C-alpha atoms as a PDB file:
ATOM      1  CA  MET A   1     182.182 283.799 143.112  1.00  0.00           C
ATOM      2  CA  ASN A   2     183.589 286.722 143.461  1.00  0.00           C
ATOM      3  CA  PHE A   3     186.494 286.276 146.467  1.00  0.00           C
ATOM      4  CA  THR A   4     187.826 289.702 145.957  1.00  0.00           C
ATOM      5  CA  GLU A   5     184.435 291.469 146.602  1.00  0.00           C
ATOM      6  CA  GLY A   6     183.408 289.222 149.328  1.00  0.00           C
ATOM      7  CA  GLU A   7     181.967 285.848 150.166  1.00  0.00           C
ATOM      8  CA  ILE A   8     181.335 283.645 152.947  1.00  0.00           C
ATOM      9  CA  LEU A   9     182.437 280.052 152.940  1.00  0.00           C
ATOM     10  CA  HIS A  10     181.474 277.429 155.234  1.00  0.00           C
ATOM     11  CA  ILE A  11     184.231 275.124 156.099  1.00  0.00           C
ATOM     12  CA  ASN A  12     183.806 271.388 158.408  1.00  0.00           C
ATOM     13  CA  LYS A  13     187.407 272.166 159.853  1.00  0.00           C
ATOM     14  CA  PRO A  14     189.357 269.013 160.279  1.00  0.00           C
ATOM     15  CA  TYR A  15     190.611 267.366 163.679  1.00  0.00           C
ATOM     16  CA  GLY A  16     194.459 268.519 164.643  1.00  0.00           C
ATOM     17  CA  MET A  17     194.368 272.162 162.556  1.00  0.00           C
ATOM     18  CA  THR A  18     193.932 275.629 164.014  1.00  0.00           C
ATOM     19  CA  SER A  19     191.396 277.580 162.769  1.00  0.00           C
ATOM     20  CA  PHE A  20     193.935 279.899 160.947  1.00  0.00           C
ATOM     21  CA  GLY A  21     195.410 276.893 159.705  1.00  0.00           C
ATOM     22  CA  ALA A  22     192.569 276.189 157.654  1.00  0.00           C
ATOM     23  CA  LEU A  23     191.759 279.751 156.677  1.00  0.00           C
ATOM     24  CA  ALA A  24     195.513 280.012 155.301  1.00  0.00           C
ATOM     25  CA  PHE A  25     194.758 276.922 153.270  1.00  0.00           C
ATOM     26  CA  VAL A  26     191.420 278.237 152.177  1.00  0.00           C
ATOM     27  CA  ARG A  27     192.776 281.916 151.299  1.00  0.00           C
ATOM     28  CA  LYS A  28     195.780 280.698 149.168  1.00  0.00           C
ATOM     29  CA  ARG A  29     193.365 278.643 146.771  1.00  0.00           C
ATOM     30  CA  ILE A  30     191.306 281.415 146.593  1.00  0.00           C
ATOM     31  CA  SER A  31     193.500 284.155 145.870  1.00  0.00           C
ATOM     32  CA  GLU A  32     195.174 281.554 143.311  1.00  0.00           C
ATOM     33  CA  ALA A  33     191.585 281.094 141.927  1.00  0.00           C
ATOM     34  CA  ALA A  34     191.097 285.240 142.025  1.00  0.00           C
ATOM     35  CA  GLY A  35     194.304 285.496 140.246  1.00  0.00           C
ATOM     36  CA  VAL A  36     195.868 288.072 143.202  1.00  0.00           C
ATOM     37  CA  LYS A  37     198.157 287.447 145.409  1.00  0.00           C
ATOM     38  CA  ARG A  38     196.438 287.757 148.774  1.00  0.00           C
ATOM     39  CA  VAL A  39     192.573 287.672 149.153  1.00  0.00           C
ATOM     40  CA  LYS A  40     191.376 289.621 152.787  1.00  0.00           C
ATOM     41  CA  THR A  41     190.270 286.670 154.805  1.00  0.00           C
ATOM     42  CA  GLY A  42     188.982 286.134 158.438  1.00  0.00           C
ATOM     43  CA  HIS A  43     186.642 283.410 160.319  1.00  0.00           C
ATOM     44  CA  ALA A  44     184.114 283.969 162.370  1.00  0.00           C
ATOM     45  CA  GLY A  45     184.380 281.988 165.968  1.00  0.00           C
ATOM     46  CA  THR A  46     187.705 280.194 166.555  1.00  0.00           C
ATOM     47  CA  LEU A  47     187.744 276.259 166.918  1.00  0.00           C
ATOM     48  CA  ASP A  48     190.450 274.637 168.945  1.00  0.00           C
ATOM     49  CA  PRO A  49     192.998 272.474 166.933  1.00  0.00           C
ATOM     50  CA  LEU A  50     191.692 269.513 168.363  1.00  0.00           C
ATOM     51  CA  ALA A  51     188.060 270.305 167.820  1.00  0.00           C
ATOM     52  CA  THR A  52     185.921 269.882 164.553  1.00  0.00           C
ATOM     53  CA  GLY A  53     183.035 271.305 162.800  1.00  0.00           C
ATOM     54  CA  VAL A  54     181.470 274.596 161.593  1.00  0.00           C
ATOM     55  CA  LEU A  55     184.345 277.519 160.742  1.00  0.00           C
ATOM     56  CA  ILE A  56     182.627 280.364 158.482  1.00  0.00           C
ATOM     57  CA  LEU A  57     185.014 282.364 156.644  1.00  0.00           C
ATOM     58  CA  CYS A  58     184.131 285.676 155.387  1.00  0.00           C
ATOM     59  CA  THR A  59     186.459 287.133 152.435  1.00  0.00           C
ATOM     60  CA  GLY A  60     186.483 290.922 151.132  1.00  0.00           C
ATOM     61  CA  LYS A  61     184.081 293.153 152.111  1.00  0.00           C
ATOM     62  CA  CYS A  62     182.276 290.138 153.944  1.00  0.00           C
ATOM     63  CA  THR A  63     184.801 290.432 156.750  1.00  0.00           C
ATOM     64  CA  LYS A  64     183.051 293.504 158.071  1.00  0.00           C
ATOM     65  CA  MET A  65     180.242 290.676 159.066  1.00  0.00           C
ATOM     66  CA  ILE A  66     182.849 288.817 161.096  1.00  0.00           C
ATOM     67  CA  PRO A  67     181.552 290.467 164.585  1.00  0.00           C
ATOM     68  CA  GLN A  68     177.675 289.868 164.124  1.00  0.00           C
ATOM     69  CA  LEU A  69     178.678 286.542 162.939  1.00  0.00           C
ATOM     70  CA  GLN A  70     180.240 285.701 166.288  1.00  0.00           C
ATOM     71  CA  TYR A  71     177.237 286.625 168.176  1.00  0.00           C
ATOM     72  CA  HIS A  72     175.184 283.848 166.846  1.00  0.00           C
ATOM     73  CA  SER A  73     174.225 281.096 168.559  1.00  0.00           C
ATOM     74  CA  LYS A  74     176.156 277.796 168.248  1.00  0.00           C
ATOM     75  CA  GLU A  75     175.464 273.734 168.956  1.00  0.00           C
ATOM     76  CA  TYR A  76     178.541 271.224 169.862  1.00  0.00           C
ATOM     77  CA  THR A  77     178.395 267.731 170.708  1.00  0.00           C
ATOM     78  CA  ALA A  78     181.269 266.687 172.912  1.00  0.00           C
ATOM     79  CA  THR A  79     182.418 263.407 174.530  1.00  0.00           C
ATOM     80  CA  LEU A  80     183.386 263.494 178.159  1.00  0.00           C
ATOM     81  CA  GLN A  81     186.180 261.140 179.523  1.00  0.00           C
ATOM     82  CA  PHE A  82     185.074 261.103 183.816  1.00  0.00           C
ATOM     83  CA  GLY A  83     187.421 260.399 186.342  1.00  0.00           C
ATOM     84  CA  ALA A  84     190.455 262.510 185.288  1.00  0.00           C
ATOM     85  CA  THR A  85     192.057 265.913 184.358  1.00  0.00           C
ATOM     86  CA  THR A  86     194.534 267.611 181.920  1.00  0.00           C
ATOM     87  CA  ALA A  87     195.889 271.023 181.760  1.00  0.00           C
ATOM     88  CA  SER A  88     194.031 271.908 179.021  1.00  0.00           C
ATOM     89  CA  TYR A  89     190.870 269.866 179.919  1.00  0.00           C
ATOM     90  CA  ASP A  90     190.871 268.121 176.428  1.00  0.00           C
ATOM     91  CA  MET A  91     193.270 265.430 174.850  1.00  0.00           C
ATOM     92  CA  GLU A  92     196.292 268.249 174.145  1.00  0.00           C
ATOM     93  CA  HIS A  93     197.771 267.204 177.134  1.00  0.00           C
ATOM     94  CA  PRO A  94     198.120 264.160 179.416  1.00  0.00           C
ATOM     95  CA  ILE A  95     196.226 263.537 182.642  1.00  0.00           C
ATOM     96  CA  ASN A  96     197.443 265.232 185.267  1.00  0.00           C
ATOM     97  CA  GLU A  97     195.085 263.879 187.952  1.00  0.00           C
ATOM     98  CA  THR A  98     192.621 260.886 188.532  1.00  0.00           C
ATOM     99  CA  PHE A  99     189.152 260.580 190.623  1.00  0.00           C
ATOM    100  CA  PRO A 100     186.674 258.290 191.852  1.00  0.00           C
ATOM    101  CA  THR A 101     183.943 257.709 189.202  1.00  0.00           C
ATOM    102  CA  GLU A 102     181.818 254.937 191.310  1.00  0.00           C
ATOM    103  CA  HIS A 103     178.878 257.036 192.241  1.00  0.00           C
ATOM    104  CA  ILE A 104     178.515 258.460 188.583  1.00  0.00           C
ATOM    105  CA  THR A 105     175.328 257.258 186.951  1.00  0.00           C
ATOM    106  CA  LYS A 106     173.308 258.316 184.191  1.00  0.00           C
ATOM    107  CA  GLU A 107     170.834 259.704 186.691  1.00  0.00           C
ATOM    108  CA  LYS A 108     173.711 261.518 188.099  1.00  0.00           C
ATOM    109  CA  ILE A 109     174.665 262.864 185.076  1.00  0.00           C
ATOM    110  CA  LEU A 110     171.561 264.186 184.094  1.00  0.00           C
ATOM    111  CA  GLU A 111     170.905 265.967 187.611  1.00  0.00           C
ATOM    112  CA  THR A 112     174.107 267.503 186.790  1.00  0.00           C
ATOM    113  CA  LEU A 113     173.605 269.181 183.348  1.00  0.00           C
ATOM    114  CA  GLU A 114     170.166 270.616 184.562  1.00  0.00           C
ATOM    115  CA  GLN A 115     172.996 273.214 186.793  1.00  0.00           C
ATOM    116  CA  PHE A 116     174.350 273.920 183.364  1.00  0.00           C
ATOM    117  CA  LYS A 117     171.282 275.901 181.394  1.00  0.00           C
ATOM    118  CA  GLY A 118     170.657 279.349 181.536  1.00  0.00           C
ATOM    119  CA  ASP A 119     173.257 282.227 182.446  1.00  0.00           C
ATOM    120  CA  ILE A 120     176.449 280.536 184.420  1.00  0.00           C
ATOM    121  CA  MET A 121     179.626 282.275 185.313  1.00  0.00           C
ATOM    122  CA  GLN A 122     182.374 280.373 183.865  1.00  0.00           C
ATOM    123  CA  VAL A 123     186.092 280.710 183.900  1.00  0.00           C
ATOM    124  CA  PRO A 124     187.671 280.266 180.952  1.00  0.00           C
ATOM    125  CA  PRO A 125     190.615 277.786 180.462  1.00  0.00           C
ATOM    126  CA  THR A 126     193.938 278.846 181.197  1.00  0.00           C
ATOM    127  CA  TYR A 127     195.264 277.183 177.852  1.00  0.00           C
ATOM    128  CA  SER A 128     193.204 279.502 175.581  1.00  0.00           C
ATOM    129  CA  ALA A 129     193.109 282.934 173.854  1.00  0.00           C
ATOM    130  CA  VAL A 130     192.305 285.408 176.393  1.00  0.00           C
ATOM    131  CA  LYS A 131     194.502 287.930 176.840  1.00  0.00           C
ATOM    132  CA  LYS A 132     195.667 288.528 180.852  1.00  0.00           C
ATOM    133  CA  ASN A 133     197.975 291.639 181.041  1.00  0.00           C
ATOM    134  CA  GLY A 134     198.322 291.917 177.221  1.00  0.00           C
ATOM    135  CA  ASP A 135     199.230 288.524 176.745  1.00  0.00           C
ATOM    136  CA  ARG A 136     197.449 285.379 175.492  1.00  0.00           C
ATOM    137  CA  ALA A 137     196.640 283.043 178.294  1.00  0.00           C
ATOM    138  CA  TYR A 138     197.923 280.216 176.634  1.00  0.00           C
ATOM    139  CA  GLU A 139     201.451 281.930 176.104  1.00  0.00           C
ATOM    140  CA  LEU A 140     202.110 282.291 179.684  1.00  0.00           C
ATOM    141  CA  ARG A 141     200.908 278.665 180.724  1.00  0.00           C
ATOM    142  CA  ARG A 142     203.642 277.541 178.019  1.00  0.00           C
ATOM    143  CA  ARG A 143     206.571 279.961 179.482  1.00  0.00           C
ATOM    144  CA  GLY A 144     205.640 278.234 182.574  1.00  0.00           C
ATOM    145  CA  GLU A 145     203.383 281.180 184.533  1.00  0.00           C
ATOM    146  CA  GLU A 146     200.551 280.629 186.663  1.00  0.00           C
ATOM    147  CA  VAL A 147     197.600 282.416 185.249  1.00  0.00           C
ATOM    148  CA  LYS A 148     194.403 283.238 186.786  1.00  0.00           C
ATOM    149  CA  LEU A 149     191.304 284.332 184.386  1.00  0.00           C
ATOM    150  CA  ASP A 150     188.093 285.948 186.007  1.00  0.00           C
ATOM    151  CA  PRO A 151     185.158 283.973 185.696  1.00  0.00           C
ATOM    152  CA  LYS A 152     182.445 285.718 182.933  1.00  0.00           C
ATOM    153  CA  SER A 153     179.024 285.362 182.333  1.00  0.00           C
ATOM    154  CA  VAL A 154     177.867 282.818 179.467  1.00  0.00           C
ATOM    155  CA  HIS A 155     174.810 281.723 178.146  1.00  0.00           C
ATOM    156  CA  VAL A 156     173.554 277.898 177.900  1.00  0.00           C
ATOM    157  CA  GLU A 157     170.488 277.550 176.434  1.00  0.00           C
ATOM    158  CA  ASP A 158     170.516 274.018 176.147  1.00  0.00           C
ATOM    159  CA  ILE A 159     172.140 270.659 177.018  1.00  0.00           C
ATOM    160  CA  GLU A 160     171.494 267.502 176.310  1.00  0.00           C
ATOM    161  CA  LEU A 161     172.992 263.973 177.548  1.00  0.00           C
ATOM    162  CA  LEU A 162     173.119 261.772 174.205  1.00  0.00           C
ATOM    163  CA  TRP A 163     174.572 258.772 175.758  1.00  0.00           C
ATOM    164  CA  PHE A 164     176.224 257.392 178.735  1.00  0.00           C
ATOM    165  CA  ASP A 165     178.909 254.531 178.834  1.00  0.00           C
ATOM    166  CA  PRO A 166     179.347 253.499 182.437  1.00  0.00           C
ATOM    167  CA  GLU A 167     181.844 250.857 181.430  1.00  0.00           C
ATOM    168  CA  LYS A 168     184.384 253.637 179.920  1.00  0.00           C
ATOM    169  CA  MET A 169     183.161 256.207 182.051  1.00  0.00           C
ATOM    170  CA  GLN A 170     182.044 258.467 178.965  1.00  0.00           C
ATOM    171  CA  ALA A 171     179.236 260.560 178.075  1.00  0.00           C
ATOM    172  CA  GLN A 172     178.292 262.485 175.035  1.00  0.00           C
ATOM    173  CA  ILE A 173     176.531 265.743 175.484  1.00  0.00           C
ATOM    174  CA  ARG A 174     174.763 268.282 172.861  1.00  0.00           C
ATOM    175  CA  VAL A 175     175.181 271.849 174.038  1.00  0.00           C
ATOM    176  CA  GLU A 176     173.522 274.936 172.508  1.00  0.00           C
ATOM    177  CA  CYS A 177     175.047 278.097 173.366  1.00  0.00           C
ATOM    178  CA  GLY A 178     176.114 281.607 172.943  1.00  0.00           C
ATOM    179  CA  LYS A 179     179.107 283.768 172.712  1.00  0.00           C
ATOM    180  CA  GLY A 180     182.460 283.021 174.692  1.00  0.00           C
ATOM    181  CA  THR A 181     181.250 279.737 176.245  1.00  0.00           C
ATOM    182  CA  TYR A 182     184.233 277.117 176.384  1.00  0.00           C
ATOM    183  CA  ILE A 183     183.216 273.398 176.266  1.00  0.00           C
ATOM    184  CA  ARG A 184     186.098 272.577 177.814  1.00  0.00           C
ATOM    185  CA  ALA A 185     185.684 274.808 180.588  1.00  0.00           C
ATOM    186  CA  LEU A 186     181.920 273.062 180.744  1.00  0.00           C
ATOM    187  CA  ALA A 187     183.464 269.730 180.702  1.00  0.00           C
ATOM    188  CA  ARG A 188     185.961 270.557 183.736  1.00  0.00           C
ATOM    189  CA  ASP A 189     182.903 272.016 185.612  1.00  0.00           C
ATOM    190  CA  ILE A 190     180.673 269.420 185.247  1.00  0.00           C
ATOM    191  CA  GLY A 191     183.263 266.891 186.061  1.00  0.00           C
ATOM    192  CA  ARG A 192     183.389 269.122 189.457  1.00  0.00           C
ATOM    193  CA  ALA A 193     180.108 269.450 190.050  1.00  0.00           C
ATOM    194  CA  ILE A 194     179.440 265.427 189.665  1.00  0.00           C
ATOM    195  CA  GLY A 195     182.473 264.953 192.572  1.00  0.00           C
ATOM    196  CA  SER A 196     184.974 263.472 190.119  1.00  0.00           C
ATOM    197  CA  GLY A 197     186.894 265.294 187.117  1.00  0.00           C
ATOM    198  CA  ALA A 198     186.400 265.465 183.185  1.00  0.00           C
ATOM    199  CA  TYR A 199     187.976 266.131 180.095  1.00  0.00           C
ATOM    200  CA  LEU A 200     186.921 266.424 176.528  1.00  0.00           C
ATOM    201  CA  THR A 201     187.989 263.643 174.012  1.00  0.00           C
ATOM    202  CA  GLN A 202     186.082 264.789 171.370  1.00  0.00           C
ATOM    203  CA  LEU A 203     184.489 268.200 170.237  1.00  0.00           C
ATOM    204  CA  CYS A 204     182.319 268.805 167.287  1.00  0.00           C
ATOM    205  CA  ARG A 205     180.726 272.189 166.100  1.00  0.00           C
ATOM    206  CA  THR A 206     177.593 271.040 164.832  1.00  0.00           C
ATOM    207  CA  ARG A 207     175.895 274.798 164.067  1.00  0.00           C
ATOM    208  CA  LEU A 208     177.107 278.322 163.709  1.00  0.00           C
ATOM    209  CA  GLY A 209     173.878 280.370 163.312  1.00  0.00           C
ATOM    210  CA  ASP A 210     171.807 278.986 160.603  1.00  0.00           C
ATOM    211  CA  VAL A 211     174.982 277.243 159.157  1.00  0.00           C
ATOM    212  CA  ARG A 212     174.796 273.467 160.189  1.00  0.00           C
ATOM    213  CA  ILE A 213     177.717 270.671 159.486  1.00  0.00           C
ATOM    214  CA  GLU A 214     176.011 269.457 156.648  1.00  0.00           C
ATOM    215  CA  ASP A 215     176.094 272.658 154.833  1.00  0.00           C
ATOM    216  CA  CYS A 216     179.785 273.024 154.880  1.00  0.00           C
ATOM    217  CA  THR A 217     182.788 271.598 152.663  1.00  0.00           C
ATOM    218  CA  LYS A 218     185.744 269.381 154.089  1.00  0.00           C
ATOM    219  CA  LEU A 219     189.077 270.971 153.915  1.00  0.00           C
ATOM    220  CA  ASP A 220     189.898 267.737 151.454  1.00  0.00           C
ATOM    221  CA  ASP A 221     187.336 268.412 149.171  1.00  0.00           C
ATOM    222  CA  PHE A 222     187.626 272.131 149.158  1.00  0.00           C
ATOM    223  CA  GLU A 223     190.083 272.394 145.438  1.00  0.00           C
ATOM    224  CA  GLN A 224     187.538 269.996 143.800  1.00  0.00           C
ATOM    225  CA  TRP A 225     184.537 272.279 145.060  1.00  0.00           C
ATOM    226  CA  LEU A 226     186.698 275.528 143.797  1.00  0.00           C
ATOM    227  CA  GLU A 227     187.211 273.597 140.239  1.00  0.00           C
ATOM    228  CA  GLU A 228     183.551 272.712 140.107  1.00  0.00           C
ATOM    229  CA  ILE A 229     182.479 276.579 141.034  1.00  0.00           C
ATOM    230  CA  HIS A 230     184.965 278.383 138.526  1.00  0.00           C
ATOM    231  CA  SER A 231     183.685 275.317 135.965  1.00  0.00           C
ATOM    232  CA  SER A 232     180.137 276.094 136.144  1.00  0.00           C
END
């Protein structure tokens, strides 16, 4: 592989690491392997730190392909906790409000999910990289400022209930969607639509375009993979 000239790498991003952190980890090792100070590297489609799964990295001339790769359809599995919300709509922040759940059934969830298929309007999470007057929304929130973001149109190709645990009030869904869809915001809106609250306890991107999670190298295995590539 010629990383300096240009390659596309498929990484399974681990929990708790930023997309840039995964990129930096890979870039350091491929730069050493290529014998250069710094291989030009970028990623297509950011994943939240608490999300796992498919992260596509492009090197060299292949970084020009990033914009088109970001427009490819995506698939996620997400676990929702009903009955509460957090400021970020995931487990990065503590619970800030609780709601009743007695009325939530599998049938009610199935009925509610139907509302989120097709083109929908979605307000991005304020704890996100969306820019507001030149500043990242999450930076404004962390400075204690109020942030109001405008809704935008996103496309949800399919949404499916994988399982529902009525005792824990948790459900797992599979979502196929287009560029710009926030699954955290989807969890928030599903919670509101069902007459309660909801936030994510787990999120995994299982596909980006034609690249599935089974095609990706875990970061823990990346150095071994790199050795095998160079020895073959």
